[in-house]
Amino acid sequence: MTLTPTVLHEYDRAAPGADQTETATFGVGCFWGPDAEFGGIDGVVRTRVGYAGGTTADPTYHSLGDHTEVVQVAYDPAAVSYAELLQRIFTSHNPRRQTGKRQYHNVLLTETDAQAEAVRAYLETGPFDPGSVETRIEDLSRFSPAEHYHQKYNLRSRRWAKQAFDEAGYDAEQLRDSPAAAKLNAHVSGHDVSLPFLDARNRSE
């Protein structure tokens, strides 16, 4: 199947909507990597990168203040649990070591009491001594989306992929929130993603 505007629109329309998903927000270094990695997980529907964990008003990449680069994933809890995402998050970095620069801190930002309890349960039963964990664990107070050129960064570097969304009439915000873009961004970054709309030509470019 060829990557066409119709295919992209149909894939995105069929994806679970916002009322069927929950979000998880965390930072593990530069947000381009986890944006791609988590976008490829079965059950993760959408991804977007941004800034959180600080107090500076209206952060931007060039005026970040005390915020940290984070990724926010919207996932279908019927397909993947928050506990499963936690396990993936904690294996995606070394929680016993914190980076020096706050921009790239390891941080887990909980959004509900249930998420906070899940984190506590994971730390109590998981492979890490809770006292040795340096990853910041905080309540999420605000998420500020990053600039459009940071969204789906690796997809944007592939002409055939970005062109397909341009031809489909996606603007920058629609590309950021597209389920198809989340999966393609993972694919072009080298993650194993099964996508019905990728034909042999696309896979080789």
N, C-alpha and C. Protein backbone atom coordinates (compact mmCIF):
# COMPACT_ATOMS: atom_id res chain seq x y z
N MET A 1 0.84 -1.19 0.00
CA MET A 1 0.00 0.00 0.00
C MET A 1 0.88 1.24 0.00
N THR A 2 0.58 2.18 -0.87
CA THR A 2 1.37 3.39 -1.01
C THR A 2 0.92 4.46 0.00
N LEU A 3 1.87 5.24 0.44
CA LEU A 3 1.59 6.30 1.40
C LEU A 3 0.93 7.46 0.65
N THR A 4 -0.37 7.55 0.71
CA THR A 4 -1.14 8.57 0.01
C THR A 4 -1.91 9.42 1.01
N PRO A 5 -2.39 10.60 0.58
CA PRO A 5 -3.21 11.42 1.48
C PRO A 5 -4.41 10.66 2.04
N THR A 6 -5.06 9.86 1.21
CA THR A 6 -6.23 9.11 1.67
C THR A 6 -5.84 8.12 2.77
N VAL A 7 -4.73 7.43 2.57
CA VAL A 7 -4.27 6.45 3.56
C VAL A 7 -3.98 7.13 4.89
N LEU A 8 -3.30 8.26 4.86
CA LEU A 8 -2.96 8.98 6.09
C LEU A 8 -4.22 9.45 6.82
N HIS A 9 -5.15 10.04 6.08
CA HIS A 9 -6.37 10.53 6.69
C HIS A 9 -7.19 9.39 7.29
N GLU A 10 -7.27 8.28 6.58
CA GLU A 10 -8.05 7.14 7.08
C GLU A 10 -7.42 6.55 8.34
N TYR A 11 -6.09 6.45 8.36
CA TYR A 11 -5.40 5.92 9.54
C TYR A 11 -5.67 6.81 10.75
N ASP A 12 -5.56 8.11 10.55
CA ASP A 12 -5.74 9.03 11.66
C ASP A 12 -7.20 9.07 12.13
N ARG A 13 -8.15 8.99 11.21
CA ARG A 13 -9.55 8.99 11.61
C ARG A 13 -9.91 7.75 12.41
N ALA A 14 -9.25 6.62 12.10
CA ALA A 14 -9.56 5.36 12.78
C ALA A 14 -8.90 5.25 14.16
N ALA A 15 -7.94 6.11 14.45
CA ALA A 15 -7.22 6.04 15.73
C ALA A 15 -8.12 6.49 16.88
N PRO A 16 -7.87 5.97 18.09
CA PRO A 16 -8.66 6.41 19.26
C PRO A 16 -8.57 7.92 19.45
N GLY A 17 -9.69 8.52 19.80
CA GLY A 17 -9.73 9.96 20.01
C GLY A 17 -9.25 10.35 21.40
N ALA A 18 -9.24 11.64 21.67
CA ALA A 18 -8.75 12.14 22.96
C ALA A 18 -9.57 11.61 24.12
N ASP A 19 -10.86 11.32 23.90
CA ASP A 19 -11.71 10.81 24.97
C ASP A 19 -11.45 9.34 25.27
N GLN A 20 -10.62 8.69 24.45
CA GLN A 20 -10.30 7.28 24.64
C GLN A 20 -8.85 7.06 25.08
N THR A 21 -8.11 8.15 25.26
CA THR A 21 -6.70 8.03 25.60
C THR A 21 -6.37 8.75 26.90
N GLU A 22 -5.24 8.39 27.48
CA GLU A 22 -4.68 9.07 28.64
C GLU A 22 -3.27 9.52 28.26
N THR A 23 -2.69 10.40 29.04
CA THR A 23 -1.36 10.90 28.70
C THR A 23 -0.35 10.60 29.79
N ALA A 24 0.89 10.43 29.35
CA ALA A 24 2.03 10.25 30.25
C ALA A 24 3.11 11.23 29.80
N THR A 25 3.73 11.91 30.75
CA THR A 25 4.69 12.95 30.43
C THR A 25 5.99 12.70 31.18
N PHE A 26 7.11 12.74 30.46
CA PHE A 26 8.40 12.45 31.08
C PHE A 26 9.52 13.01 30.21
N GLY A 27 10.69 13.14 30.83
CA GLY A 27 11.87 13.57 30.11
C GLY A 27 13.02 12.63 30.37
N VAL A 28 13.73 12.26 29.33
CA VAL A 28 14.93 11.42 29.45
C VAL A 28 15.96 11.92 28.43
N GLY A 29 16.43 13.14 28.65
CA GLY A 29 17.39 13.73 27.73
C GLY A 29 16.71 14.48 26.61
N CYS A 30 17.42 14.67 25.51
CA CYS A 30 16.86 15.37 24.35
C CYS A 30 15.55 14.71 23.93
N PHE A 31 14.51 15.49 23.72
CA PHE A 31 13.19 14.92 23.49
C PHE A 31 12.99 14.27 22.13
N TRP A 32 13.89 14.45 21.18
CA TRP A 32 13.72 13.82 19.86
C TRP A 32 13.74 12.29 19.96
N GLY A 33 14.66 11.77 20.78
CA GLY A 33 14.80 10.31 20.90
C GLY A 33 13.58 9.63 21.48
N PRO A 34 13.13 10.03 22.68
CA PRO A 34 11.95 9.39 23.24
C PRO A 34 10.68 9.64 22.44
N ASP A 35 10.60 10.76 21.74
CA ASP A 35 9.45 11.01 20.87
C ASP A 35 9.34 9.89 19.84
N ALA A 36 10.46 9.51 19.25
CA ALA A 36 10.47 8.43 18.26
C ALA A 36 10.28 7.07 18.91
N GLU A 37 10.99 6.81 19.99
CA GLU A 37 10.93 5.50 20.63
C GLU A 37 9.52 5.17 21.11
N PHE A 38 8.91 6.08 21.83
CA PHE A 38 7.60 5.79 22.39
C PHE A 38 6.49 5.86 21.35
N GLY A 39 6.71 6.61 20.28
CA GLY A 39 5.73 6.64 19.20
C GLY A 39 5.55 5.29 18.55
N GLY A 40 6.56 4.44 18.63
CA GLY A 40 6.49 3.14 18.00
C GLY A 40 5.86 2.06 18.86
N ILE A 41 5.54 2.35 20.10
CA ILE A 41 4.97 1.35 21.00
C ILE A 41 3.52 1.09 20.66
N ASP A 42 3.15 -0.18 20.57
CA ASP A 42 1.75 -0.52 20.35
C ASP A 42 0.91 0.05 21.49
N GLY A 43 -0.15 0.73 21.15
CA GLY A 43 -1.01 1.35 22.15
C GLY A 43 -0.76 2.82 22.34
N VAL A 44 0.43 3.30 21.97
CA VAL A 44 0.68 4.74 21.98
C VAL A 44 0.09 5.32 20.71
N VAL A 45 -0.78 6.29 20.85
CA VAL A 45 -1.53 6.82 19.72
C VAL A 45 -0.90 8.09 19.16
N ARG A 46 -0.54 9.01 20.04
CA ARG A 46 0.02 10.29 19.60
C ARG A 46 1.19 10.66 20.49
N THR A 47 2.08 11.50 19.98
CA THR A 47 3.18 12.02 20.77
C THR A 47 3.37 13.50 20.43
N ARG A 48 3.91 14.21 21.39
CA ARG A 48 4.33 15.58 21.13
C ARG A 48 5.41 15.94 22.13
N VAL A 49 6.32 16.79 21.72
CA VAL A 49 7.42 17.18 22.60
C VAL A 49 7.18 18.60 23.10
N GLY A 50 7.78 18.90 24.26
CA GLY A 50 7.58 20.22 24.83
C GLY A 50 8.43 20.44 26.05
N TYR A 51 7.99 21.37 26.88
CA TYR A 51 8.75 21.80 28.04
C TYR A 51 7.85 21.74 29.27
N ALA A 52 8.41 21.26 30.39
CA ALA A 52 7.64 21.15 31.63
C ALA A 52 8.60 21.05 32.80
N GLY A 53 8.05 21.03 34.00
CA GLY A 53 8.85 20.84 35.20
C GLY A 53 9.49 22.08 35.76
N GLY A 54 9.12 23.24 35.23
CA GLY A 54 9.73 24.48 35.72
C GLY A 54 8.68 25.52 36.04
N THR A 55 9.14 26.72 36.32
CA THR A 55 8.25 27.81 36.70
C THR A 55 8.26 28.97 35.71
N THR A 56 9.19 28.95 34.77
CA THR A 56 9.30 30.04 33.81
C THR A 56 8.05 30.12 32.95
N ALA A 57 7.49 31.30 32.80
CA ALA A 57 6.29 31.47 31.99
C ALA A 57 6.63 31.40 30.51
N ASP A 58 5.79 30.70 29.74
CA ASP A 58 5.92 30.63 28.28
C ASP A 58 7.33 30.26 27.83
N PRO A 59 7.83 29.10 28.21
CA PRO A 59 9.18 28.71 27.80
C PRO A 59 9.28 28.47 26.31
N THR A 60 10.45 28.73 25.75
CA THR A 60 10.76 28.40 24.37
C THR A 60 12.13 27.73 24.36
N TYR A 61 12.51 27.17 23.22
CA TYR A 61 13.78 26.47 23.14
C TYR A 61 14.94 27.40 23.48
N HIS A 62 14.86 28.65 23.06
CA HIS A 62 15.94 29.61 23.29
C HIS A 62 15.75 30.43 24.56
N SER A 63 14.65 30.20 25.26
CA SER A 63 14.40 30.86 26.54
C SER A 63 13.69 29.86 27.44
N LEU A 64 14.43 28.82 27.81
CA LEU A 64 13.85 27.67 28.49
C LEU A 64 13.68 27.89 29.99
N GLY A 65 14.48 28.76 30.56
CA GLY A 65 14.41 28.99 31.99
C GLY A 65 14.73 27.71 32.75
N ASP A 66 13.88 27.36 33.72
CA ASP A 66 14.13 26.18 34.54
C ASP A 66 13.31 24.96 34.10
N HIS A 67 12.83 24.97 32.88
CA HIS A 67 12.06 23.84 32.36
C HIS A 67 12.98 22.75 31.80
N THR A 68 12.38 21.61 31.53
CA THR A 68 13.09 20.45 30.99
C THR A 68 12.41 19.99 29.72
N GLU A 69 13.20 19.49 28.78
CA GLU A 69 12.62 18.91 27.56
C GLU A 69 11.91 17.61 27.92
N VAL A 70 10.65 17.49 27.50
CA VAL A 70 9.87 16.29 27.82
C VAL A 70 9.10 15.84 26.58
N VAL A 71 8.62 14.60 26.64
CA VAL A 71 7.70 14.09 25.63
C VAL A 71 6.41 13.73 26.33
N GLN A 72 5.31 14.00 25.68
CA GLN A 72 4.00 13.63 26.21
C GLN A 72 3.37 12.64 25.23
N VAL A 73 3.04 11.48 25.72
CA VAL A 73 2.44 10.45 24.86
C VAL A 73 0.98 10.26 25.25
N ALA A 74 0.13 10.18 24.25
CA ALA A 74 -1.27 9.83 24.47
C ALA A 74 -1.41 8.35 24.13
N TYR A 75 -1.88 7.57 25.09
CA TYR A 75 -1.94 6.13 24.89
C TYR A 75 -3.34 5.60 25.17
N ASP A 76 -3.64 4.47 24.56
CA ASP A 76 -4.92 3.80 24.73
C ASP A 76 -4.78 2.82 25.90
N PRO A 77 -5.39 3.10 27.05
CA PRO A 77 -5.21 2.21 28.21
C PRO A 77 -5.77 0.82 28.00
N ALA A 78 -6.59 0.65 26.96
CA ALA A 78 -7.08 -0.70 26.65
C ALA A 78 -6.02 -1.52 25.94
N ALA A 79 -4.99 -0.85 25.43
CA ALA A 79 -3.94 -1.55 24.67
C ALA A 79 -2.61 -1.59 25.41
N VAL A 80 -2.31 -0.57 26.19
CA VAL A 80 -1.06 -0.53 26.95
C VAL A 80 -1.32 0.21 28.26
N SER A 81 -0.82 -0.32 29.35
CA SER A 81 -1.08 0.29 30.66
C SER A 81 -0.02 1.32 31.01
N TYR A 82 -0.36 2.18 31.96
CA TYR A 82 0.62 3.14 32.46
C TYR A 82 1.79 2.41 33.11
N ALA A 83 1.50 1.29 33.81
CA ALA A 83 2.56 0.51 34.43
C ALA A 83 3.54 -0.02 33.39
N GLU A 84 3.03 -0.42 32.24
CA GLU A 84 3.91 -0.91 31.17
C GLU A 84 4.76 0.23 30.61
N LEU A 85 4.18 1.39 30.48
CA LEU A 85 4.95 2.55 30.02
C LEU A 85 6.02 2.92 31.04
N LEU A 86 5.68 2.83 32.32
CA LEU A 86 6.66 3.12 33.36
C LEU A 86 7.88 2.22 33.23
N GLN A 87 7.63 0.94 33.01
CA GLN A 87 8.74 0.00 32.86
C GLN A 87 9.62 0.40 31.69
N ARG A 88 9.00 0.81 30.61
CA ARG A 88 9.77 1.23 29.43
C ARG A 88 10.53 2.52 29.72
N ILE A 89 9.90 3.45 30.43
CA ILE A 89 10.56 4.71 30.76
C ILE A 89 11.82 4.45 31.60
N PHE A 90 11.68 3.61 32.60
CA PHE A 90 12.81 3.38 33.51
C PHE A 90 13.92 2.55 32.86
N THR A 91 13.62 1.83 31.80
CA THR A 91 14.68 1.11 31.08
C THR A 91 15.26 1.96 29.94
N SER A 92 14.68 3.14 29.73
CA SER A 92 15.17 4.03 28.67
C SER A 92 16.27 4.96 29.15
N HIS A 93 16.55 4.93 30.46
CA HIS A 93 17.61 5.78 31.00
C HIS A 93 18.12 5.15 32.29
N ASN A 94 19.20 5.71 32.81
CA ASN A 94 19.75 5.25 34.08
C ASN A 94 19.16 6.11 35.20
N PRO A 95 18.17 5.58 35.96
CA PRO A 95 17.52 6.41 36.97
C PRO A 95 18.39 6.70 38.18
N ARG A 96 19.55 6.06 38.25
CA ARG A 96 20.45 6.32 39.37
C ARG A 96 21.40 7.49 39.09
N ARG A 97 21.27 8.07 37.93
CA ARG A 97 22.17 9.17 37.57
C ARG A 97 21.36 10.30 36.95
N GLN A 98 21.60 11.50 37.42
CA GLN A 98 20.93 12.67 36.88
C GLN A 98 21.91 13.48 36.05
N THR A 99 21.46 13.99 34.93
CA THR A 99 22.31 14.82 34.10
C THR A 99 22.50 16.18 34.77
N GLY A 100 23.60 16.84 34.44
CA GLY A 100 23.90 18.11 35.07
C GLY A 100 23.04 19.25 34.59
N LYS A 101 22.67 19.22 33.32
CA LYS A 101 21.93 20.34 32.73
C LYS A 101 20.43 20.10 32.88
N ARG A 102 19.74 21.03 33.51
CA ARG A 102 18.31 20.84 33.78
C ARG A 102 17.50 20.64 32.50
N GLN A 103 17.94 21.23 31.42
CA GLN A 103 17.23 21.07 30.15
C GLN A 103 17.06 19.60 29.78
N TYR A 104 18.04 18.76 30.14
CA TYR A 104 18.02 17.36 29.76
C TYR A 104 17.84 16.43 30.96
N HIS A 105 17.28 16.94 32.04
CA HIS A 105 17.07 16.12 33.23
C HIS A 105 16.20 14.90 32.94
N ASN A 106 16.40 13.86 33.74
CA ASN A 106 15.48 12.74 33.77
C ASN A 106 14.37 13.11 34.73
N VAL A 107 13.14 13.13 34.24
CA VAL A 107 12.03 13.56 35.07
C VAL A 107 10.77 12.80 34.68
N LEU A 108 9.99 12.43 35.67
CA LEU A 108 8.72 11.75 35.47
C LEU A 108 7.64 12.62 36.10
N LEU A 109 6.71 13.08 35.29
CA LEU A 109 5.70 14.04 35.74
C LEU A 109 4.33 13.36 35.78
N THR A 110 3.83 13.12 36.98
CA THR A 110 2.56 12.43 37.12
C THR A 110 1.41 13.42 37.00
N GLU A 111 0.30 12.93 36.44
CA GLU A 111 -0.83 13.81 36.15
C GLU A 111 -2.06 13.51 37.00
N THR A 112 -2.09 12.33 37.61
CA THR A 112 -3.25 11.94 38.43
C THR A 112 -2.75 11.21 39.67
N ASP A 113 -3.64 11.06 40.65
CA ASP A 113 -3.30 10.30 41.84
C ASP A 113 -2.98 8.85 41.47
N ALA A 114 -3.71 8.32 40.49
CA ALA A 114 -3.48 6.94 40.07
C ALA A 114 -2.07 6.77 39.49
N GLN A 115 -1.62 7.76 38.71
CA GLN A 115 -0.26 7.68 38.17
C GLN A 115 0.77 7.79 39.28
N ALA A 116 0.56 8.67 40.22
CA ALA A 116 1.51 8.82 41.34
C ALA A 116 1.59 7.52 42.14
N GLU A 117 0.46 6.87 42.35
CA GLU A 117 0.45 5.61 43.08
C GLU A 117 1.14 4.52 42.28
N ALA A 118 0.97 4.52 40.96
CA ALA A 118 1.64 3.53 40.11
C ALA A 118 3.16 3.70 40.17
N VAL A 119 3.62 4.94 40.21
CA VAL A 119 5.06 5.19 40.32
C VAL A 119 5.57 4.68 41.66
N ARG A 120 4.85 4.97 42.74
CA ARG A 120 5.26 4.50 44.06
C ARG A 120 5.34 2.97 44.09
N ALA A 121 4.33 2.33 43.51
CA ALA A 121 4.30 0.87 43.49
C ALA A 121 5.45 0.31 42.67
N TYR A 122 5.77 0.97 41.55
CA TYR A 122 6.87 0.50 40.72
C TYR A 122 8.19 0.60 41.47
N LEU A 123 8.41 1.71 42.15
CA LEU A 123 9.67 1.90 42.87
C LEU A 123 9.80 0.94 44.04
N GLU A 124 8.67 0.59 44.65
CA GLU A 124 8.71 -0.33 45.79
C GLU A 124 8.97 -1.77 45.38
N THR A 125 8.53 -2.13 44.18
CA THR A 125 8.63 -3.52 43.74
C THR A 125 9.60 -3.72 42.58
N GLY A 126 10.09 -2.63 42.00
CA GLY A 126 10.94 -2.73 40.82
C GLY A 126 12.38 -3.05 41.15
N PRO A 127 13.23 -2.98 40.14
CA PRO A 127 14.63 -3.39 40.31
C PRO A 127 15.53 -2.34 40.96
N PHE A 128 14.99 -1.16 41.27
CA PHE A 128 15.83 -0.09 41.82
C PHE A 128 15.51 0.17 43.28
N ASP A 129 16.54 0.41 44.05
CA ASP A 129 16.36 0.88 45.42
C ASP A 129 15.80 2.30 45.34
N PRO A 130 14.61 2.55 45.86
CA PRO A 130 14.03 3.89 45.74
C PRO A 130 14.96 4.99 46.22
N GLY A 131 15.79 4.69 47.21
CA GLY A 131 16.71 5.70 47.72
C GLY A 131 17.82 6.06 46.76
N SER A 132 18.05 5.21 45.75
CA SER A 132 19.11 5.46 44.79
C SER A 132 18.62 6.17 43.52
N VAL A 133 17.32 6.35 43.40
CA VAL A 133 16.75 6.94 42.18
C VAL A 133 16.91 8.45 42.21
N GLU A 134 17.61 8.98 41.23
CA GLU A 134 17.81 10.42 41.12
C GLU A 134 16.87 11.08 40.10
N THR A 135 16.18 10.27 39.33
CA THR A 135 15.19 10.82 38.40
C THR A 135 14.17 11.64 39.19
N ARG A 136 13.91 12.85 38.75
CA ARG A 136 12.92 13.69 39.42
C ARG A 136 11.52 13.11 39.21
N ILE A 137 10.76 13.03 40.27
CA ILE A 137 9.38 12.56 40.20
C ILE A 137 8.51 13.64 40.81
N GLU A 138 7.70 14.27 39.95
CA GLU A 138 6.95 15.45 40.36
C GLU A 138 5.55 15.43 39.75
N ASP A 139 4.67 16.25 40.28
CA ASP A 139 3.37 16.45 39.67
C ASP A 139 3.53 17.34 38.44
N LEU A 140 2.76 17.05 37.41
CA LEU A 140 2.78 17.91 36.23
C LEU A 140 1.87 19.10 36.47
N SER A 141 2.45 20.30 36.40
CA SER A 141 1.64 21.51 36.58
C SER A 141 1.25 22.11 35.24
N ARG A 142 2.15 21.97 34.26
CA ARG A 142 1.86 22.56 32.96
C ARG A 142 2.78 21.94 31.91
N PHE A 143 2.24 21.71 30.72
CA PHE A 143 3.01 21.25 29.58
C PHE A 143 2.91 22.30 28.49
N SER A 144 4.07 22.76 28.00
CA SER A 144 4.10 23.75 26.91
C SER A 144 4.67 23.09 25.67
N PRO A 145 3.88 22.94 24.61
CA PRO A 145 4.40 22.31 23.39
C PRO A 145 5.60 23.06 22.85
N ALA A 146 6.57 22.30 22.34
CA ALA A 146 7.75 22.90 21.72
C ALA A 146 7.41 23.46 20.35
N GLU A 147 8.34 24.18 19.80
CA GLU A 147 8.18 24.76 18.47
C GLU A 147 7.92 23.65 17.44
N HIS A 148 7.24 24.02 16.37
CA HIS A 148 6.84 23.01 15.39
C HIS A 148 8.03 22.27 14.77
N TYR A 149 9.17 22.95 14.62
CA TYR A 149 10.29 22.28 13.98
C TYR A 149 10.90 21.19 14.84
N HIS A 150 10.53 21.13 16.13
CA HIS A 150 10.99 20.05 17.00
C HIS A 150 10.04 18.85 16.96
N GLN A 151 8.82 19.05 16.50
CA GLN A 151 7.84 17.98 16.51
C GLN A 151 8.11 17.00 15.36
N LYS A 152 8.13 15.70 15.68
CA LYS A 152 8.38 14.65 14.66
C LYS A 152 9.66 15.00 13.89
N TYR A 153 10.71 15.30 14.63
CA TYR A 153 11.94 15.83 14.05
C TYR A 153 12.54 14.88 13.01
N ASN A 154 12.59 13.59 13.31
CA ASN A 154 13.22 12.65 12.38
C ASN A 154 12.37 12.44 11.13
N LEU A 155 11.07 12.45 11.28
CA LEU A 155 10.19 12.35 10.11
C LEU A 155 10.43 13.53 9.17
N ARG A 156 10.59 14.71 9.74
CA ARG A 156 10.79 15.91 8.92
C ARG A 156 12.06 15.83 8.07
N SER A 157 13.02 14.99 8.48
CA SER A 157 14.28 14.89 7.74
C SER A 157 14.18 13.94 6.55
N ARG A 158 13.07 13.23 6.43
CA ARG A 158 12.87 12.30 5.30
C ARG A 158 11.89 12.93 4.31
N ARG A 159 12.41 13.26 3.14
CA ARG A 159 11.61 13.98 2.16
C ARG A 159 10.32 13.26 1.81
N TRP A 160 10.41 11.94 1.56
CA TRP A 160 9.21 11.21 1.14
C TRP A 160 8.14 11.20 2.21
N ALA A 161 8.56 11.15 3.48
CA ALA A 161 7.59 11.11 4.58
C ALA A 161 6.95 12.47 4.80
N LYS A 162 7.77 13.50 4.89
CA LYS A 162 7.22 14.85 5.10
C LYS A 162 6.37 15.27 3.91
N GLN A 163 6.78 14.92 2.71
CA GLN A 163 6.03 15.31 1.51
C GLN A 163 4.64 14.68 1.52
N ALA A 164 4.54 13.45 2.00
CA ALA A 164 3.23 12.78 2.04
C ALA A 164 2.25 13.56 2.90
N PHE A 165 2.70 14.10 4.02
CA PHE A 165 1.81 14.88 4.88
C PHE A 165 1.52 16.25 4.27
N ASP A 166 2.50 16.83 3.58
CA ASP A 166 2.26 18.09 2.89
C ASP A 166 1.19 17.91 1.82
N GLU A 167 1.29 16.83 1.06
CA GLU A 167 0.32 16.56 0.00
C GLU A 167 -1.07 16.28 0.57
N ALA A 168 -1.11 15.75 1.81
CA ALA A 168 -2.38 15.47 2.45
C ALA A 168 -3.00 16.71 3.09
N GLY A 169 -2.28 17.84 3.04
CA GLY A 169 -2.81 19.09 3.56
C GLY A 169 -2.66 19.27 5.05
N TYR A 170 -1.75 18.52 5.69
CA TYR A 170 -1.54 18.66 7.13
C TYR A 170 -0.76 19.94 7.42
N ASP A 171 -1.25 20.74 8.35
CA ASP A 171 -0.45 21.87 8.80
C ASP A 171 0.45 21.40 9.95
N ALA A 172 1.25 22.29 10.51
CA ALA A 172 2.24 21.89 11.51
C ALA A 172 1.59 21.28 12.74
N GLU A 173 0.47 21.84 13.18
CA GLU A 173 -0.20 21.30 14.38
C GLU A 173 -0.81 19.93 14.09
N GLN A 174 -1.38 19.76 12.91
CA GLN A 174 -1.97 18.46 12.55
C GLN A 174 -0.89 17.40 12.43
N LEU A 175 0.27 17.77 11.90
CA LEU A 175 1.37 16.82 11.81
C LEU A 175 1.83 16.42 13.21
N ARG A 176 1.93 17.37 14.12
CA ARG A 176 2.34 17.09 15.49
C ARG A 176 1.43 16.08 16.16
N ASP A 177 0.13 16.20 15.93
CA ASP A 177 -0.85 15.38 16.64
C ASP A 177 -1.32 14.17 15.84
N SER A 178 -0.72 13.91 14.70
CA SER A 178 -1.15 12.81 13.85
C SER A 178 -0.66 11.45 14.37
N PRO A 179 -1.57 10.48 14.57
CA PRO A 179 -1.14 9.13 14.93
C PRO A 179 -0.23 8.51 13.87
N ALA A 180 -0.55 8.74 12.59
CA ALA A 180 0.29 8.20 11.52
C ALA A 180 1.69 8.79 11.59
N ALA A 181 1.80 10.08 11.90
CA ALA A 181 3.11 10.72 11.99
C ALA A 181 3.91 10.16 13.16
N ALA A 182 3.24 9.85 14.28
CA ALA A 182 3.95 9.26 15.42
C ALA A 182 4.58 7.93 15.03
N LYS A 183 3.84 7.11 14.29
CA LYS A 183 4.36 5.81 13.89
C LYS A 183 5.45 5.94 12.83
N LEU A 184 5.26 6.82 11.87
CA LEU A 184 6.28 7.01 10.84
C LEU A 184 7.56 7.60 11.42
N ASN A 185 7.42 8.49 12.40
CA ASN A 185 8.59 9.07 13.04
C ASN A 185 9.40 7.98 13.73
N ALA A 186 8.71 7.03 14.34
CA ALA A 186 9.40 5.89 14.96
C ALA A 186 10.08 5.03 13.90
N HIS A 187 9.37 4.79 12.81
CA HIS A 187 9.92 3.94 11.75
C HIS A 187 11.20 4.51 11.15
N VAL A 188 11.17 5.78 10.79
CA VAL A 188 12.35 6.37 10.15
C VAL A 188 13.50 6.52 11.13
N SER A 189 13.21 6.41 12.43
CA SER A 189 14.26 6.49 13.45
C SER A 189 14.87 5.13 13.76
N GLY A 190 14.39 4.09 13.08
CA GLY A 190 14.97 2.78 13.23
C GLY A 190 14.26 1.85 14.19
N HIS A 191 13.08 2.25 14.68
CA HIS A 191 12.33 1.41 15.59
C HIS A 191 11.42 0.47 14.79
N ASP A 192 11.20 -0.71 15.33
CA ASP A 192 10.41 -1.72 14.66
C ASP A 192 8.93 -1.38 14.80
N VAL A 193 8.32 -0.95 13.71
CA VAL A 193 6.92 -0.56 13.72
C VAL A 193 6.22 -1.25 12.56
N SER A 194 5.12 -1.90 12.84
CA SER A 194 4.34 -2.55 11.79
C SER A 194 3.27 -1.58 11.30
N LEU A 195 3.43 -1.14 10.05
CA LEU A 195 2.49 -0.16 9.50
C LEU A 195 1.94 -0.67 8.18
N PRO A 196 0.64 -0.78 8.04
CA PRO A 196 0.06 -1.29 6.81
C PRO A 196 0.25 -0.36 5.61
N PHE A 197 0.51 0.93 5.89
CA PHE A 197 0.60 1.87 4.77
C PHE A 197 2.03 2.09 4.27
N LEU A 198 3.01 1.29 4.75
CA LEU A 198 4.38 1.43 4.26
C LEU A 198 4.65 0.36 3.22
N ASP A 199 4.87 0.76 1.99
CA ASP A 199 5.19 -0.23 0.96
C ASP A 199 6.70 -0.39 0.86
N ALA A 200 7.14 -1.27 0.00
CA ALA A 200 8.57 -1.56 -0.12
C ALA A 200 9.38 -0.35 -0.52
N ARG A 201 8.81 0.50 -1.37
CA ARG A 201 9.53 1.69 -1.82
C ARG A 201 9.78 2.63 -0.64
N ASN A 202 8.76 2.85 0.18
CA ASN A 202 8.92 3.73 1.32
C ASN A 202 9.96 3.19 2.28
N ARG A 203 9.94 1.88 2.52
CA ARG A 203 10.84 1.28 3.50
C ARG A 203 12.31 1.39 3.10
N SER A 204 12.57 1.50 1.80
CA SER A 204 13.96 1.50 1.34
C SER A 204 14.54 2.90 1.23
N GLU A 205 13.70 3.93 1.37
CA GLU A 205 14.19 5.31 1.19
C GLU A 205 14.65 5.90 2.52
